[in-house]
């Protein structure tokens, strides 16, 4: 499989990179599994902050608005009735809702392999010998990314997230840095370029190509 390969300085490498066909060479017939994992990722990261008050929680309304009979108006026992302005909310969020989606390990790994296979098929994969910004400067990161052609939304996959690497790319809005064992459908699918270091490629191949081990 043809894939862009670069040295740590950002120059084209003459050595070929061997990709695991079981990880980067799957035939994706449909995207149902990818979608399920994508939705689960968003749902599991959702914060349950919305909370409304029922009529029993709204302050006031203890006094009957008007007498039961003789006024010609409909009877009401409280001004905090849900149909009144300022009243309670019926069936609103309570803050106890559970939005999480469960995805089994095998399905999750298969979805990640499918996304990586699609990225490889669309020439989005870039393999680089190493990412090392010793000066921790954003300029150094931008220069190297431009050299290897990762100029759009880029996912950098490394074996270890060092403080130097994090400082170098933290101010780049279109660059996300993750460790190899945290590759997921959401980040990989939204990236225009998936850049893996040689060590990260080895970790991903062993992790996804080794079944449930």
N, C-alpha and C. Protein backbone atom coordinates (compact mmCIF):
# COMPACT_ATOMS: atom_id res chain seq x y z
N UNK A 1 0.84 -1.19 0.00
CA UNK A 1 0.00 0.00 0.00
C UNK A 1 0.88 1.24 0.00
N UNK A 2 0.59 2.17 -0.88
CA UNK A 2 1.37 3.39 -0.97
C UNK A 2 0.95 4.37 0.11
N UNK A 3 1.91 4.90 0.83
CA UNK A 3 1.62 5.87 1.88
C UNK A 3 2.80 6.83 1.97
N UNK A 4 2.52 8.11 2.23
CA UNK A 4 3.57 9.10 2.32
C UNK A 4 4.46 8.81 3.52
N UNK A 5 5.77 8.79 3.28
CA UNK A 5 6.73 8.46 4.32
C UNK A 5 7.81 9.54 4.38
N UNK A 6 8.06 10.06 5.59
CA UNK A 6 9.02 11.16 5.75
C UNK A 6 10.00 10.87 6.87
N UNK A 7 11.18 11.48 6.76
CA UNK A 7 12.16 11.40 7.83
C UNK A 7 11.79 12.41 8.91
N UNK A 8 12.49 12.39 10.03
CA UNK A 8 12.17 13.30 11.13
C UNK A 8 12.39 14.77 10.77
N UNK A 9 13.19 15.03 9.72
CA UNK A 9 13.44 16.41 9.30
C UNK A 9 12.37 16.92 8.33
N UNK A 10 11.49 16.01 7.88
CA UNK A 10 10.42 16.41 6.99
C UNK A 10 10.69 16.16 5.52
N UNK A 11 11.81 15.50 5.19
CA UNK A 11 12.12 15.19 3.80
C UNK A 11 11.55 13.82 3.44
N UNK A 12 11.25 13.63 2.16
CA UNK A 12 10.70 12.36 1.69
C UNK A 12 11.69 11.23 1.95
N UNK A 13 11.18 10.14 2.46
CA UNK A 13 12.02 8.98 2.73
C UNK A 13 11.94 8.01 1.56
N UNK A 14 13.07 7.38 1.27
CA UNK A 14 13.10 6.42 0.16
C UNK A 14 12.68 5.02 0.61
N UNK A 15 12.71 4.78 1.91
CA UNK A 15 12.32 3.46 2.43
C UNK A 15 10.80 3.32 2.45
N UNK A 16 10.32 2.15 2.10
CA UNK A 16 8.89 1.89 2.04
C UNK A 16 8.36 1.54 3.44
N UNK A 17 7.11 1.92 3.67
CA UNK A 17 6.46 1.61 4.94
C UNK A 17 5.47 0.48 4.72
N UNK A 18 5.56 -0.53 5.56
CA UNK A 18 4.66 -1.67 5.44
C UNK A 18 3.49 -1.49 6.41
N UNK A 19 2.29 -1.43 5.85
CA UNK A 19 1.09 -1.27 6.66
C UNK A 19 0.38 -2.60 6.83
N UNK A 20 -0.14 -2.83 8.01
CA UNK A 20 -0.90 -4.05 8.30
C UNK A 20 -2.24 -3.99 7.56
N UNK A 21 -2.46 -4.94 6.66
CA UNK A 21 -3.70 -4.96 5.88
C UNK A 21 -4.94 -5.19 6.75
N UNK A 22 -4.74 -5.82 7.89
CA UNK A 22 -5.87 -6.07 8.79
C UNK A 22 -6.30 -4.80 9.53
N UNK A 23 -5.46 -3.76 9.47
CA UNK A 23 -5.76 -2.50 10.14
C UNK A 23 -6.03 -1.39 9.15
N UNK A 24 -5.20 -1.33 8.10
CA UNK A 24 -5.27 -0.22 7.15
C UNK A 24 -5.77 -0.63 5.76
N UNK A 25 -6.18 -1.88 5.61
CA UNK A 25 -6.59 -2.34 4.28
C UNK A 25 -7.94 -3.00 4.22
N UNK A 26 -8.83 -2.65 5.14
CA UNK A 26 -10.17 -3.25 5.13
C UNK A 26 -11.04 -2.66 4.04
N UNK A 27 -11.92 -3.49 3.50
CA UNK A 27 -12.92 -3.02 2.54
C UNK A 27 -14.16 -2.59 3.34
N UNK A 28 -14.53 -1.32 3.24
CA UNK A 28 -15.66 -0.79 4.01
C UNK A 28 -16.89 -0.77 3.12
N UNK A 29 -17.79 -1.72 3.33
CA UNK A 29 -18.99 -1.84 2.51
C UNK A 29 -20.06 -0.81 2.89
N UNK A 30 -20.18 -0.54 4.19
CA UNK A 30 -21.12 0.49 4.65
C UNK A 30 -20.53 1.19 5.88
N UNK A 31 -21.15 2.28 6.25
CA UNK A 31 -20.61 3.11 7.33
C UNK A 31 -21.45 3.05 8.61
N UNK A 32 -22.27 2.03 8.73
CA UNK A 32 -23.17 1.94 9.89
C UNK A 32 -22.40 1.82 11.20
N UNK A 33 -21.37 0.98 11.21
CA UNK A 33 -20.58 0.79 12.43
C UNK A 33 -19.81 2.05 12.78
N UNK A 34 -19.30 2.72 11.75
CA UNK A 34 -18.57 3.97 11.98
C UNK A 34 -19.50 5.02 12.58
N UNK A 35 -20.72 5.11 12.02
CA UNK A 35 -21.67 6.10 12.52
C UNK A 35 -22.04 5.81 13.97
N UNK A 36 -22.27 4.54 14.30
CA UNK A 36 -22.65 4.17 15.67
C UNK A 36 -21.57 4.58 16.66
N UNK A 37 -20.31 4.38 16.29
CA UNK A 37 -19.21 4.75 17.17
C UNK A 37 -19.02 6.26 17.23
N UNK A 38 -19.27 6.93 16.13
CA UNK A 38 -19.16 8.40 16.08
C UNK A 38 -20.19 9.03 17.01
N UNK A 39 -21.43 8.54 16.91
CA UNK A 39 -22.52 9.05 17.76
C UNK A 39 -22.24 8.73 19.23
N UNK A 40 -21.73 7.53 19.49
CA UNK A 40 -21.43 7.13 20.87
C UNK A 40 -20.35 8.02 21.47
N UNK A 41 -19.36 8.38 20.68
CA UNK A 41 -18.28 9.25 21.16
C UNK A 41 -18.84 10.61 21.59
N UNK A 42 -19.73 11.17 20.78
CA UNK A 42 -20.32 12.46 21.12
C UNK A 42 -21.25 12.34 22.33
N UNK A 43 -22.04 11.28 22.36
CA UNK A 43 -23.00 11.10 23.46
C UNK A 43 -22.28 10.89 24.79
N UNK A 44 -21.19 10.12 24.77
CA UNK A 44 -20.47 9.83 26.01
C UNK A 44 -19.69 11.03 26.53
N UNK A 45 -19.47 12.01 25.66
CA UNK A 45 -18.79 13.22 26.09
C UNK A 45 -19.76 14.34 26.45
N UNK A 46 -21.05 14.05 26.37
CA UNK A 46 -22.07 15.07 26.64
C UNK A 46 -22.21 15.33 28.13
N UNK A 47 -22.19 16.60 28.51
CA UNK A 47 -22.38 16.97 29.91
C UNK A 47 -23.87 17.14 30.21
N UNK A 48 -24.30 16.54 31.29
CA UNK A 48 -25.71 16.59 31.66
C UNK A 48 -25.94 17.78 32.60
N UNK A 49 -26.07 18.97 32.02
CA UNK A 49 -26.15 20.18 32.83
C UNK A 49 -27.56 20.78 32.89
N UNK A 50 -28.41 20.45 31.91
CA UNK A 50 -29.74 21.06 31.85
C UNK A 50 -30.63 20.54 32.97
N UNK A 51 -31.30 21.46 33.65
CA UNK A 51 -32.20 21.07 34.74
C UNK A 51 -33.31 22.10 34.88
N UNK A 52 -34.55 21.65 34.86
CA UNK A 52 -35.70 22.54 35.01
C UNK A 52 -36.43 22.23 36.30
N UNK A 53 -37.30 23.14 36.72
CA UNK A 53 -38.06 22.97 37.96
C UNK A 53 -39.50 22.57 37.67
N UNK A 54 -39.96 21.59 38.39
CA UNK A 54 -41.37 21.22 38.30
C UNK A 54 -42.17 22.20 39.16
N UNK A 55 -43.49 22.07 39.15
CA UNK A 55 -44.32 23.00 39.92
C UNK A 55 -44.04 22.91 41.43
N UNK A 56 -43.54 21.77 41.87
CA UNK A 56 -43.22 21.60 43.27
C UNK A 56 -41.92 22.26 43.67
N UNK A 57 -41.09 22.61 42.68
CA UNK A 57 -39.79 23.21 42.97
C UNK A 57 -39.78 24.73 42.76
N UNK A 58 -40.76 25.25 42.01
CA UNK A 58 -40.80 26.69 41.73
C UNK A 58 -41.23 27.44 43.00
N UNK A 59 -40.52 28.50 43.28
CA UNK A 59 -40.82 29.28 44.49
C UNK A 59 -42.16 30.02 44.35
N UNK A 60 -42.91 30.10 45.46
CA UNK A 60 -44.18 30.83 45.48
C UNK A 60 -45.34 29.95 45.07
N UNK A 61 -46.49 30.60 44.84
CA UNK A 61 -47.67 29.87 44.39
C UNK A 61 -48.43 29.17 45.49
N UNK A 62 -48.13 29.49 46.74
CA UNK A 62 -48.81 28.80 47.83
C UNK A 62 -50.24 29.27 48.04
N UNK A 63 -50.51 30.49 47.62
CA UNK A 63 -51.86 31.04 47.82
C UNK A 63 -52.71 30.80 46.56
N UNK A 64 -53.95 30.43 46.81
CA UNK A 64 -54.88 30.23 45.70
C UNK A 64 -55.13 31.58 45.01
N UNK A 65 -54.96 31.65 43.66
CA UNK A 65 -55.07 32.95 42.95
C UNK A 65 -56.42 33.64 43.16
N UNK A 66 -57.48 32.91 43.12
CA UNK A 66 -58.81 33.46 43.40
C UNK A 66 -59.71 32.34 43.94
N UNK A 67 -60.85 32.73 44.45
CA UNK A 67 -61.72 31.74 45.06
C UNK A 67 -62.20 30.71 44.04
N UNK A 68 -62.64 29.59 44.54
CA UNK A 68 -62.99 28.46 43.68
C UNK A 68 -64.19 28.77 42.78
N UNK A 69 -65.22 29.40 43.33
CA UNK A 69 -66.45 29.61 42.57
C UNK A 69 -66.86 31.08 42.57
N UNK A 70 -67.69 31.41 41.61
CA UNK A 70 -68.31 32.72 41.61
C UNK A 70 -67.60 33.80 40.81
N UNK A 71 -66.43 33.53 40.30
CA UNK A 71 -65.71 34.57 39.55
C UNK A 71 -65.92 34.45 38.04
N UNK A 72 -66.40 33.33 37.57
CA UNK A 72 -66.57 33.11 36.13
C UNK A 72 -65.30 32.62 35.46
N UNK A 73 -64.24 32.58 36.21
CA UNK A 73 -62.96 32.11 35.65
C UNK A 73 -62.72 30.64 36.00
N UNK A 74 -61.78 30.04 35.27
CA UNK A 74 -61.45 28.64 35.55
C UNK A 74 -60.81 28.53 36.93
N UNK A 75 -61.04 27.40 37.57
CA UNK A 75 -60.50 27.22 38.91
C UNK A 75 -59.00 26.93 38.85
N UNK A 76 -58.27 27.52 39.76
CA UNK A 76 -56.84 27.29 39.87
C UNK A 76 -56.45 27.23 41.34
N UNK A 77 -55.53 26.35 41.64
CA UNK A 77 -55.08 26.23 43.02
C UNK A 77 -53.74 26.89 43.26
N UNK A 78 -52.99 27.13 42.17
CA UNK A 78 -51.65 27.70 42.35
C UNK A 78 -51.24 28.46 41.09
N UNK A 79 -50.52 29.56 41.29
CA UNK A 79 -50.00 30.32 40.15
C UNK A 79 -48.77 29.67 39.57
N UNK A 80 -48.34 28.58 40.16
CA UNK A 80 -47.18 27.85 39.63
C UNK A 80 -47.61 26.64 38.81
N UNK A 81 -48.87 26.63 38.43
CA UNK A 81 -49.37 25.62 37.51
C UNK A 81 -48.57 25.67 36.19
N UNK A 82 -48.23 24.55 35.60
CA UNK A 82 -47.40 24.55 34.38
C UNK A 82 -47.94 25.38 33.22
N UNK A 83 -49.27 25.62 33.16
CA UNK A 83 -49.78 26.39 32.03
C UNK A 83 -49.73 27.90 32.29
N UNK A 84 -49.28 28.28 33.46
CA UNK A 84 -49.13 29.70 33.77
C UNK A 84 -47.70 30.14 33.50
N UNK A 85 -47.56 31.42 33.15
CA UNK A 85 -46.22 31.99 33.00
C UNK A 85 -45.56 32.02 34.38
N UNK A 86 -44.32 31.54 34.44
CA UNK A 86 -43.63 31.46 35.72
C UNK A 86 -43.91 30.19 36.48
N UNK A 87 -44.71 29.33 35.88
CA UNK A 87 -45.04 28.06 36.52
C UNK A 87 -43.96 27.02 36.31
N UNK A 88 -44.25 25.83 36.79
CA UNK A 88 -43.30 24.74 36.64
C UNK A 88 -43.24 24.20 35.22
N UNK A 89 -42.23 23.38 34.95
CA UNK A 89 -42.04 22.77 33.62
C UNK A 89 -42.42 21.30 33.69
N UNK A 90 -43.21 20.86 32.71
CA UNK A 90 -43.63 19.47 32.66
C UNK A 90 -42.67 18.68 31.77
N UNK A 91 -42.19 17.55 32.27
CA UNK A 91 -41.33 16.63 31.50
C UNK A 91 -40.04 17.30 31.01
N UNK A 92 -39.54 18.29 31.73
CA UNK A 92 -38.27 18.91 31.36
C UNK A 92 -37.09 18.09 31.86
N UNK A 93 -35.87 18.45 31.46
CA UNK A 93 -34.68 17.72 31.94
C UNK A 93 -34.49 17.90 33.44
N UNK A 94 -34.10 16.83 34.10
CA UNK A 94 -33.93 16.87 35.55
C UNK A 94 -32.47 16.89 35.98
N UNK A 95 -31.56 16.64 35.02
CA UNK A 95 -30.15 16.54 35.37
C UNK A 95 -29.75 15.13 35.73
N UNK A 96 -30.69 14.21 35.66
CA UNK A 96 -30.42 12.81 35.99
C UNK A 96 -30.44 11.91 34.75
N UNK A 97 -30.64 12.50 33.58
CA UNK A 97 -30.72 11.70 32.35
C UNK A 97 -29.35 11.06 32.04
N UNK A 98 -29.40 9.90 31.46
CA UNK A 98 -28.19 9.18 31.06
C UNK A 98 -28.13 9.13 29.54
N UNK A 99 -27.17 9.84 28.96
CA UNK A 99 -27.08 9.92 27.50
C UNK A 99 -26.02 8.98 26.92
N UNK A 100 -25.36 8.22 27.74
CA UNK A 100 -24.25 7.39 27.26
C UNK A 100 -24.72 6.28 26.34
N UNK A 101 -23.86 5.93 25.38
CA UNK A 101 -24.10 4.80 24.48
C UNK A 101 -23.02 3.75 24.72
N UNK A 102 -23.44 2.51 24.83
CA UNK A 102 -22.48 1.43 25.04
C UNK A 102 -22.11 0.81 23.70
N UNK A 103 -20.80 0.68 23.46
CA UNK A 103 -20.29 0.02 22.25
C UNK A 103 -19.29 -1.03 22.71
N UNK A 104 -19.46 -2.27 22.27
CA UNK A 104 -18.54 -3.31 22.73
C UNK A 104 -17.16 -3.13 22.11
N UNK A 105 -16.18 -3.71 22.75
CA UNK A 105 -14.77 -3.50 22.39
C UNK A 105 -14.48 -3.93 20.94
N UNK A 106 -15.01 -5.06 20.54
CA UNK A 106 -14.76 -5.57 19.20
C UNK A 106 -15.31 -4.62 18.13
N UNK A 107 -16.54 -4.12 18.33
CA UNK A 107 -17.16 -3.20 17.37
C UNK A 107 -16.39 -1.89 17.31
N UNK A 108 -15.91 -1.42 18.46
CA UNK A 108 -15.15 -0.18 18.52
C UNK A 108 -13.86 -0.30 17.73
N UNK A 109 -13.15 -1.39 17.92
CA UNK A 109 -11.88 -1.59 17.22
C UNK A 109 -12.09 -1.74 15.72
N UNK A 110 -13.14 -2.46 15.35
CA UNK A 110 -13.43 -2.63 13.92
C UNK A 110 -13.73 -1.29 13.27
N UNK A 111 -14.49 -0.43 13.97
CA UNK A 111 -14.83 0.90 13.43
C UNK A 111 -13.57 1.75 13.25
N UNK A 112 -12.65 1.68 14.21
CA UNK A 112 -11.40 2.44 14.09
C UNK A 112 -10.59 1.94 12.90
N UNK A 113 -10.54 0.63 12.71
CA UNK A 113 -9.81 0.05 11.58
C UNK A 113 -10.45 0.47 10.25
N UNK A 114 -11.77 0.53 10.23
CA UNK A 114 -12.46 0.97 9.01
C UNK A 114 -12.13 2.42 8.67
N UNK A 115 -12.11 3.28 9.69
CA UNK A 115 -11.78 4.69 9.46
C UNK A 115 -10.34 4.85 8.99
N UNK A 116 -9.42 4.11 9.60
CA UNK A 116 -8.01 4.17 9.18
C UNK A 116 -7.83 3.62 7.77
N UNK A 117 -8.62 2.61 7.43
CA UNK A 117 -8.56 2.05 6.07
C UNK A 117 -9.06 3.07 5.05
N UNK A 118 -10.13 3.79 5.40
CA UNK A 118 -10.64 4.84 4.51
C UNK A 118 -9.63 5.97 4.36
N UNK A 119 -8.98 6.32 5.47
CA UNK A 119 -7.95 7.37 5.42
C UNK A 119 -6.80 6.96 4.52
N UNK A 120 -6.42 5.69 4.60
CA UNK A 120 -5.34 5.19 3.76
C UNK A 120 -5.76 5.18 2.29
N UNK A 121 -6.99 4.77 2.04
CA UNK A 121 -7.49 4.72 0.67
C UNK A 121 -7.57 6.11 0.03
N UNK A 122 -7.87 7.11 0.86
CA UNK A 122 -7.99 8.49 0.37
C UNK A 122 -6.68 9.26 0.48
N UNK A 123 -5.57 8.53 0.73
CA UNK A 123 -4.23 9.14 0.82
C UNK A 123 -4.13 10.21 1.91
N UNK A 124 -4.79 9.98 3.02
CA UNK A 124 -4.74 10.92 4.14
C UNK A 124 -3.67 10.54 5.17
N UNK A 125 -3.14 9.32 5.04
CA UNK A 125 -2.14 8.86 6.00
C UNK A 125 -0.75 9.39 5.67
N UNK A 126 -0.06 9.84 6.68
CA UNK A 126 1.33 10.29 6.55
C UNK A 126 2.13 9.65 7.67
N UNK A 127 3.22 8.96 7.30
CA UNK A 127 4.09 8.34 8.29
C UNK A 127 5.39 9.14 8.37
N UNK A 128 5.77 9.51 9.58
CA UNK A 128 7.00 10.24 9.78
C UNK A 128 7.86 9.50 10.80
N UNK A 129 9.15 9.54 10.58
CA UNK A 129 10.06 8.79 11.45
C UNK A 129 9.90 9.18 12.91
N UNK A 130 9.83 10.49 13.17
CA UNK A 130 9.68 10.95 14.55
C UNK A 130 9.24 12.40 14.57
N UNK A 131 8.55 12.79 15.62
CA UNK A 131 8.18 14.19 15.83
C UNK A 131 8.93 14.68 17.06
N UNK A 132 9.82 15.61 16.85
CA UNK A 132 10.65 16.07 17.96
C UNK A 132 10.90 17.57 17.84
N UNK A 133 10.19 18.34 18.67
CA UNK A 133 10.37 19.79 18.68
C UNK A 133 11.06 20.17 19.99
N UNK A 134 12.37 20.09 20.01
CA UNK A 134 13.13 20.32 21.25
C UNK A 134 12.99 21.75 21.77
N UNK A 135 12.80 22.70 20.85
CA UNK A 135 12.68 24.09 21.30
C UNK A 135 11.26 24.43 21.75
N UNK A 136 10.32 23.49 21.56
CA UNK A 136 8.92 23.66 21.99
C UNK A 136 8.24 24.87 21.35
N UNK A 137 8.70 25.26 20.17
CA UNK A 137 8.13 26.43 19.52
C UNK A 137 7.08 26.03 18.48
N UNK A 138 6.01 26.82 18.44
CA UNK A 138 4.94 26.56 17.47
C UNK A 138 5.46 26.70 16.04
N UNK A 139 6.39 27.63 15.84
CA UNK A 139 6.95 27.86 14.52
C UNK A 139 7.62 26.59 13.98
N UNK A 140 8.31 25.86 14.85
CA UNK A 140 8.97 24.62 14.43
C UNK A 140 7.95 23.59 13.99
N UNK A 141 6.84 23.51 14.72
CA UNK A 141 5.79 22.56 14.37
C UNK A 141 5.15 22.92 13.03
N UNK A 142 4.87 24.21 12.83
CA UNK A 142 4.25 24.66 11.58
C UNK A 142 5.17 24.38 10.40
N UNK A 143 6.45 24.63 10.57
CA UNK A 143 7.42 24.41 9.49
C UNK A 143 7.45 22.94 9.07
N UNK A 144 7.50 22.05 10.07
CA UNK A 144 7.55 20.62 9.76
C UNK A 144 6.25 20.14 9.13
N UNK A 145 5.12 20.59 9.65
CA UNK A 145 3.83 20.17 9.10
C UNK A 145 3.66 20.64 7.66
N UNK A 146 4.15 21.84 7.37
CA UNK A 146 4.10 22.34 5.99
C UNK A 146 4.98 21.50 5.07
N UNK A 147 6.11 21.06 5.57
CA UNK A 147 7.03 20.24 4.78
C UNK A 147 6.41 18.91 4.38
N UNK A 148 5.66 18.31 5.30
CA UNK A 148 5.09 16.99 5.02
C UNK A 148 3.68 17.08 4.41
N UNK A 149 3.22 18.30 4.19
CA UNK A 149 1.94 18.50 3.51
C UNK A 149 0.72 18.42 4.39
N UNK A 150 0.90 18.46 5.72
CA UNK A 150 -0.24 18.43 6.64
C UNK A 150 -0.65 19.85 6.98
N UNK A 151 -1.36 20.49 6.04
CA UNK A 151 -1.68 21.91 6.18
C UNK A 151 -3.13 22.16 6.60
N UNK A 152 -3.95 21.10 6.62
CA UNK A 152 -5.35 21.27 7.01
C UNK A 152 -5.57 20.65 8.38
N UNK A 153 -6.80 20.23 8.67
CA UNK A 153 -7.07 19.59 9.96
C UNK A 153 -6.21 18.34 10.10
N UNK A 154 -5.36 18.34 11.09
CA UNK A 154 -4.36 17.28 11.21
C UNK A 154 -4.45 16.58 12.57
N UNK A 155 -4.42 15.26 12.53
CA UNK A 155 -4.37 14.45 13.74
C UNK A 155 -2.96 13.89 13.86
N UNK A 156 -2.25 14.31 14.91
CA UNK A 156 -0.90 13.82 15.16
C UNK A 156 -0.97 12.66 16.15
N UNK A 157 -0.53 11.49 15.72
CA UNK A 157 -0.56 10.30 16.57
C UNK A 157 0.86 9.94 16.96
N UNK A 158 1.15 9.99 18.25
CA UNK A 158 2.51 9.73 18.74
C UNK A 158 2.47 8.63 19.79
N UNK A 159 3.64 8.07 20.06
CA UNK A 159 3.74 7.02 21.07
C UNK A 159 3.57 7.61 22.47
N UNK A 160 4.17 8.78 22.70
CA UNK A 160 4.09 9.46 24.00
C UNK A 160 3.91 10.95 23.80
N UNK A 161 2.99 11.54 24.55
CA UNK A 161 2.76 12.99 24.49
C UNK A 161 3.72 13.67 25.46
N UNK A 162 4.82 14.18 24.93
CA UNK A 162 5.79 14.86 25.78
C UNK A 162 5.36 16.31 25.99
N UNK A 163 5.80 16.96 27.08
CA UNK A 163 5.49 18.37 27.30
C UNK A 163 5.95 19.26 26.15
N UNK A 164 7.09 18.91 25.54
CA UNK A 164 7.61 19.71 24.42
C UNK A 164 6.67 19.64 23.23
N UNK A 165 6.17 18.44 22.93
CA UNK A 165 5.24 18.28 21.82
C UNK A 165 3.94 19.04 22.07
N UNK A 166 3.42 18.92 23.28
CA UNK A 166 2.15 19.57 23.62
C UNK A 166 2.27 21.09 23.52
N UNK A 167 3.38 21.65 23.99
CA UNK A 167 3.57 23.10 23.90
C UNK A 167 3.70 23.55 22.46
N UNK A 168 4.30 22.72 21.62
CA UNK A 168 4.54 23.09 20.23
C UNK A 168 3.25 23.21 19.42
N UNK A 169 2.26 22.37 19.73
CA UNK A 169 1.05 22.34 18.90
C UNK A 169 -0.19 22.86 19.63
N UNK A 170 -0.06 23.24 20.89
CA UNK A 170 -1.24 23.65 21.67
C UNK A 170 -1.94 24.87 21.11
N UNK A 171 -1.21 25.73 20.42
CA UNK A 171 -1.80 26.95 19.86
C UNK A 171 -2.26 26.80 18.40
N UNK A 172 -2.14 25.60 17.88
CA UNK A 172 -2.55 25.35 16.50
C UNK A 172 -3.98 24.79 16.51
N UNK A 173 -4.93 25.61 16.05
CA UNK A 173 -6.35 25.25 16.13
C UNK A 173 -6.70 24.02 15.29
N UNK A 174 -5.97 23.81 14.21
CA UNK A 174 -6.31 22.72 13.30
C UNK A 174 -5.46 21.47 13.52
N UNK A 175 -4.77 21.42 14.65
CA UNK A 175 -3.92 20.27 14.95
C UNK A 175 -4.31 19.67 16.29
N UNK A 176 -4.49 18.34 16.33
CA UNK A 176 -4.79 17.65 17.58
C UNK A 176 -3.75 16.56 17.81
N UNK A 177 -3.21 16.54 19.01
CA UNK A 177 -2.17 15.58 19.37
C UNK A 177 -2.76 14.52 20.30
N UNK A 178 -2.62 13.24 19.92
CA UNK A 178 -3.10 12.16 20.79
C UNK A 178 -2.07 11.03 20.81
N UNK A 179 -2.17 10.21 21.85
CA UNK A 179 -1.32 9.03 21.93
C UNK A 179 -1.92 7.90 21.09
N UNK A 180 -1.05 7.00 20.65
CA UNK A 180 -1.46 5.95 19.73
C UNK A 180 -2.58 5.07 20.28
N UNK A 181 -2.58 4.81 21.58
CA UNK A 181 -3.60 3.94 22.15
C UNK A 181 -4.91 4.66 22.44
N UNK A 182 -5.00 5.94 22.03
CA UNK A 182 -6.24 6.69 22.19
C UNK A 182 -6.84 7.11 20.84
N UNK A 183 -6.41 6.50 19.77
CA UNK A 183 -6.98 6.78 18.45
C UNK A 183 -8.46 6.40 18.48
N UNK A 184 -9.30 7.28 17.93
CA UNK A 184 -10.74 7.02 17.95
C UNK A 184 -11.38 7.43 16.64
N UNK A 185 -12.60 6.98 16.43
CA UNK A 185 -13.33 7.22 15.19
C UNK A 185 -13.56 8.71 14.96
N UNK A 186 -13.94 9.44 15.99
CA UNK A 186 -14.29 10.86 15.87
C UNK A 186 -13.10 11.68 15.35
N UNK A 187 -11.95 11.56 15.99
CA UNK A 187 -10.78 12.35 15.60
C UNK A 187 -10.25 11.95 14.23
N UNK A 188 -10.18 10.64 13.99
CA UNK A 188 -9.63 10.16 12.71
C UNK A 188 -10.53 10.52 11.54
N UNK A 189 -11.84 10.47 11.76
CA UNK A 189 -12.78 10.77 10.68
C UNK A 189 -12.81 12.25 10.34
N UNK A 190 -12.59 13.11 11.33
CA UNK A 190 -12.64 14.55 11.10
C UNK A 190 -11.32 15.14 10.61
N UNK A 191 -10.29 14.33 10.54
CA UNK A 191 -8.97 14.82 10.14
C UNK A 191 -8.79 14.74 8.62
N UNK A 192 -8.19 15.79 8.07
CA UNK A 192 -7.82 15.77 6.65
C UNK A 192 -6.50 15.03 6.45
N UNK A 193 -5.68 15.01 7.51
CA UNK A 193 -4.42 14.28 7.48
C UNK A 193 -4.24 13.56 8.81
N UNK A 194 -3.87 12.29 8.75
CA UNK A 194 -3.55 11.52 9.96
C UNK A 194 -2.06 11.22 9.91
N UNK A 195 -1.32 11.88 10.78
CA UNK A 195 0.15 11.75 10.81
C UNK A 195 0.53 10.83 11.96
N UNK A 196 1.20 9.73 11.64
CA UNK A 196 1.65 8.78 12.65
C UNK A 196 3.16 8.70 12.65
N UNK A 197 3.76 8.69 13.83
CA UNK A 197 5.18 8.43 13.91
C UNK A 197 5.40 6.93 13.71
N UNK A 198 6.62 6.54 13.41
CA UNK A 198 6.91 5.12 13.19
C UNK A 198 6.57 4.28 14.41
N UNK A 199 6.90 4.82 15.60
CA UNK A 199 6.61 4.09 16.84
C UNK A 199 5.10 4.01 17.07
N UNK A 200 4.38 5.10 16.77
CA UNK A 200 2.92 5.10 16.93
C UNK A 200 2.27 4.11 15.97
N UNK A 201 2.79 4.03 14.75
CA UNK A 201 2.27 3.07 13.77
C UNK A 201 2.40 1.65 14.28
N UNK A 202 3.53 1.36 14.90
CA UNK A 202 3.77 0.03 15.46
C UNK A 202 2.76 -0.28 16.58
N UNK A 203 2.52 0.71 17.45
CA UNK A 203 1.58 0.52 18.56
C UNK A 203 0.16 0.30 18.05
N UNK A 204 -0.26 1.13 17.09
CA UNK A 204 -1.61 1.01 16.54
C UNK A 204 -1.80 -0.34 15.85
N UNK A 205 -0.79 -0.77 15.10
CA UNK A 205 -0.88 -2.06 14.39
C UNK A 205 -0.97 -3.22 15.36
N UNK A 206 -0.20 -3.17 16.45
CA UNK A 206 -0.24 -4.24 17.44
C UNK A 206 -1.55 -4.23 18.22
N UNK A 207 -2.04 -3.03 18.52
CA UNK A 207 -3.28 -2.88 19.29
C UNK A 207 -4.50 -3.35 18.51
N UNK A 208 -4.64 -2.86 17.28
CA UNK A 208 -5.83 -3.18 16.48
C UNK A 208 -5.71 -4.47 15.70
N UNK A 209 -4.49 -4.89 15.44
CA UNK A 209 -4.29 -6.11 14.66
C UNK A 209 -4.16 -7.35 15.50
N UNK A 210 -4.16 -7.17 16.83
CA UNK A 210 -3.93 -8.30 17.71
C UNK A 210 -5.18 -8.85 18.36
N UNK A 211 -6.35 -8.59 17.77
CA UNK A 211 -7.60 -9.12 18.32
C UNK A 211 -7.95 -8.45 19.63
N UNK A 212 -8.35 -9.24 20.64
CA UNK A 212 -8.77 -8.72 21.94
C UNK A 212 -7.66 -8.75 22.97
N UNK A 213 -6.43 -8.94 22.55
CA UNK A 213 -5.32 -8.99 23.50
C UNK A 213 -5.01 -7.59 24.03
